[in-house]
Amino acid sequence: MNGVAAFHDIISGPFEAVGGVPEFWNEIKDNFSHEEIVEDWKQSGIRYRCDLFIKVLVFEPDEKLSLT
C-alpha cells in the first residue's frame, strides 16, 4: 500500500512566505519516489485545485522518515 503527501511552497522565497519548506523538501526528496509540479516559478500563491499538486511524495506506509 502506498501513501501520498503533498507539499506546497517548495520553491525558495522569502522566509515569511515559504518558511522552512524548501530546505526541508530538498533534504528528504531524494529518499522517495516523487514528482514536482510547478505551474509558475514566479507565482505568489497557490491555486486550490484537486487536480494540481505543487508537490507529491509517494512512500510506503511502513517507511520511517528520518529528518537527520
N, C-alpha and C. Protein backbone atom coordinates (compact mmCIF):
# COMPACT_ATOMS: atom_id res chain seq x y z
N MET A 1 0.84 -1.17 0.00
CA MET A 1 0.00 0.00 0.00
C MET A 1 0.89 1.24 0.00
N ASN A 2 0.51 2.24 -0.77
CA ASN A 2 1.27 3.49 -0.83
C ASN A 2 0.55 4.59 -0.07
N GLY A 3 1.29 5.60 0.30
CA GLY A 3 0.74 6.80 0.88
C GLY A 3 1.13 7.98 0.01
N VAL A 4 0.40 9.06 0.12
CA VAL A 4 0.69 10.26 -0.66
C VAL A 4 0.73 11.46 0.28
N ALA A 5 1.73 12.29 0.11
CA ALA A 5 1.82 13.56 0.85
C ALA A 5 2.03 14.66 -0.18
N ALA A 6 1.37 15.78 -0.01
CA ALA A 6 1.52 16.91 -0.93
C ALA A 6 2.11 18.09 -0.17
N PHE A 7 3.11 18.72 -0.77
CA PHE A 7 3.75 19.90 -0.19
C PHE A 7 3.53 21.08 -1.12
N HIS A 8 3.36 22.25 -0.56
CA HIS A 8 3.38 23.47 -1.36
C HIS A 8 4.48 24.36 -0.81
N ASP A 9 4.77 25.44 -1.51
CA ASP A 9 5.85 26.36 -1.11
C ASP A 9 7.21 25.69 -1.12
N ILE A 10 7.46 24.84 -2.13
CA ILE A 10 8.74 24.12 -2.22
C ILE A 10 9.81 24.93 -2.92
N ILE A 11 9.42 26.03 -3.56
CA ILE A 11 10.37 26.88 -4.28
C ILE A 11 10.89 27.95 -3.33
N SER A 12 12.19 28.17 -3.33
CA SER A 12 12.80 29.17 -2.44
C SER A 12 12.15 30.53 -2.61
N GLY A 13 12.01 31.21 -1.51
CA GLY A 13 11.44 32.55 -1.50
C GLY A 13 11.65 33.16 -0.13
N PRO A 14 11.04 34.32 0.13
CA PRO A 14 11.18 34.95 1.44
C PRO A 14 10.69 34.01 2.54
N PHE A 15 11.43 33.94 3.63
CA PHE A 15 11.08 33.02 4.72
C PHE A 15 9.65 33.23 5.20
N GLU A 16 9.22 34.49 5.28
CA GLU A 16 7.87 34.77 5.76
C GLU A 16 6.79 34.23 4.81
N ALA A 17 7.17 33.93 3.57
CA ALA A 17 6.22 33.38 2.60
C ALA A 17 6.28 31.85 2.53
N VAL A 18 7.48 31.27 2.65
CA VAL A 18 7.63 29.82 2.45
C VAL A 18 8.13 29.08 3.68
N GLY A 19 8.57 29.80 4.70
CA GLY A 19 9.09 29.14 5.90
C GLY A 19 10.27 28.25 5.57
N GLY A 20 10.38 27.14 6.24
CA GLY A 20 11.49 26.21 6.01
C GLY A 20 11.15 25.09 5.04
N VAL A 21 10.03 25.22 4.33
CA VAL A 21 9.59 24.14 3.44
C VAL A 21 10.60 23.82 2.34
N PRO A 22 11.16 24.80 1.61
CA PRO A 22 12.11 24.45 0.55
C PRO A 22 13.32 23.67 1.07
N GLU A 23 13.85 24.07 2.20
CA GLU A 23 15.01 23.39 2.77
C GLU A 23 14.64 21.98 3.21
N PHE A 24 13.49 21.84 3.87
CA PHE A 24 13.03 20.53 4.31
C PHE A 24 12.82 19.61 3.11
N TRP A 25 12.15 20.11 2.08
CA TRP A 25 11.89 19.29 0.90
C TRP A 25 13.20 18.85 0.25
N ASN A 26 14.14 19.76 0.12
CA ASN A 26 15.42 19.40 -0.51
C ASN A 26 16.18 18.36 0.31
N GLU A 27 15.98 18.33 1.63
CA GLU A 27 16.62 17.32 2.48
C GLU A 27 16.05 15.93 2.27
N ILE A 28 14.74 15.82 2.05
CA ILE A 28 14.11 14.50 2.03
C ILE A 28 13.73 13.96 0.66
N LYS A 29 13.65 14.81 -0.36
CA LYS A 29 13.05 14.37 -1.62
C LYS A 29 13.79 13.23 -2.32
N ASP A 30 15.09 13.15 -2.18
CA ASP A 30 15.83 12.08 -2.86
C ASP A 30 15.63 10.71 -2.21
N ASN A 31 14.97 10.68 -1.06
CA ASN A 31 14.70 9.41 -0.37
C ASN A 31 13.41 8.75 -0.83
N PHE A 32 12.65 9.43 -1.69
CA PHE A 32 11.33 8.94 -2.08
C PHE A 32 11.10 9.12 -3.58
N SER A 33 10.23 8.28 -4.11
CA SER A 33 9.75 8.48 -5.47
C SER A 33 8.87 9.72 -5.43
N HIS A 34 9.12 10.69 -6.30
CA HIS A 34 8.37 11.94 -6.21
C HIS A 34 8.26 12.60 -7.58
N GLU A 35 7.37 13.56 -7.64
CA GLU A 35 7.21 14.39 -8.84
C GLU A 35 6.96 15.82 -8.38
N GLU A 36 7.67 16.76 -8.97
CA GLU A 36 7.46 18.17 -8.67
C GLU A 36 6.68 18.79 -9.82
N ILE A 37 5.62 19.50 -9.48
CA ILE A 37 4.81 20.19 -10.48
C ILE A 37 4.79 21.66 -10.10
N VAL A 38 5.43 22.49 -10.89
CA VAL A 38 5.47 23.93 -10.64
C VAL A 38 4.80 24.60 -11.83
N GLU A 39 3.63 25.17 -11.61
CA GLU A 39 2.89 25.80 -12.70
C GLU A 39 3.55 27.10 -13.13
N ASP A 40 4.03 27.87 -12.17
CA ASP A 40 4.63 29.17 -12.48
C ASP A 40 5.69 29.46 -11.42
N TRP A 41 6.96 29.56 -11.83
CA TRP A 41 8.07 29.78 -10.89
C TRP A 41 7.96 31.14 -10.19
N LYS A 42 7.18 32.06 -10.74
CA LYS A 42 7.04 33.39 -10.13
C LYS A 42 5.69 33.55 -9.44
N GLN A 43 4.95 32.47 -9.31
CA GLN A 43 3.64 32.51 -8.69
C GLN A 43 3.75 32.95 -7.24
N SER A 44 2.86 33.82 -6.81
CA SER A 44 2.93 34.32 -5.45
C SER A 44 1.89 33.69 -4.53
N GLY A 45 1.21 32.67 -4.99
CA GLY A 45 0.21 32.00 -4.17
C GLY A 45 -0.06 30.62 -4.72
N ILE A 46 -0.98 29.93 -4.09
CA ILE A 46 -1.34 28.59 -4.55
C ILE A 46 -2.80 28.59 -4.98
N ARG A 47 -3.07 27.94 -6.09
CA ARG A 47 -4.45 27.77 -6.52
C ARG A 47 -4.92 26.44 -5.95
N TYR A 48 -6.03 26.44 -5.31
CA TYR A 48 -6.54 25.21 -4.71
C TYR A 48 -7.37 24.46 -5.73
N ARG A 49 -6.73 23.52 -6.40
CA ARG A 49 -7.39 22.66 -7.38
C ARG A 49 -7.03 21.22 -7.03
N CYS A 50 -7.99 20.36 -7.04
CA CYS A 50 -7.73 18.95 -6.71
C CYS A 50 -6.81 18.28 -7.71
N ASP A 51 -6.80 18.76 -8.97
CA ASP A 51 -6.01 18.09 -10.00
C ASP A 51 -4.60 18.66 -10.13
N LEU A 52 -4.24 19.63 -9.31
CA LEU A 52 -2.90 20.22 -9.39
C LEU A 52 -2.27 20.22 -8.01
N PHE A 53 -1.21 19.44 -7.84
CA PHE A 53 -0.44 19.45 -6.61
C PHE A 53 0.88 20.12 -6.89
N ILE A 54 1.33 20.95 -5.99
CA ILE A 54 2.63 21.57 -6.14
C ILE A 54 3.72 20.52 -5.87
N LYS A 55 3.47 19.63 -4.98
CA LYS A 55 4.44 18.57 -4.71
C LYS A 55 3.72 17.32 -4.30
N VAL A 56 4.11 16.20 -4.87
CA VAL A 56 3.55 14.91 -4.48
C VAL A 56 4.68 14.00 -4.05
N LEU A 57 4.55 13.41 -2.91
CA LEU A 57 5.54 12.50 -2.36
C LEU A 57 4.85 11.16 -2.12
N VAL A 58 5.38 10.11 -2.72
CA VAL A 58 4.78 8.79 -2.56
C VAL A 58 5.73 7.93 -1.75
N PHE A 59 5.22 7.24 -0.74
CA PHE A 59 6.07 6.42 0.10
C PHE A 59 5.28 5.23 0.63
N GLU A 60 5.98 4.23 1.06
CA GLU A 60 5.35 3.08 1.70
C GLU A 60 5.01 3.46 3.14
N PRO A 61 3.82 3.08 3.64
CA PRO A 61 3.41 3.50 4.98
C PRO A 61 4.31 3.00 6.10
N ASP A 62 5.03 1.90 5.88
CA ASP A 62 5.89 1.40 6.95
C ASP A 62 7.30 1.99 6.90
N GLU A 63 7.56 2.87 5.93
CA GLU A 63 8.87 3.53 5.86
C GLU A 63 8.97 4.56 6.98
N LYS A 64 10.11 4.65 7.57
CA LYS A 64 10.36 5.64 8.62
C LYS A 64 10.99 6.87 7.97
N LEU A 65 10.47 8.03 8.26
CA LEU A 65 11.00 9.28 7.74
C LEU A 65 12.00 9.82 8.74
N SER A 66 13.26 9.87 8.35
CA SER A 66 14.31 10.38 9.22
C SER A 66 14.65 11.81 8.81
N LEU A 67 14.64 12.70 9.75
CA LEU A 67 14.95 14.09 9.45
C LEU A 67 16.40 14.42 9.75
N THR A 68 17.21 13.42 10.07
CA THR A 68 18.61 13.67 10.36
C THR A 68 19.49 13.08 9.29
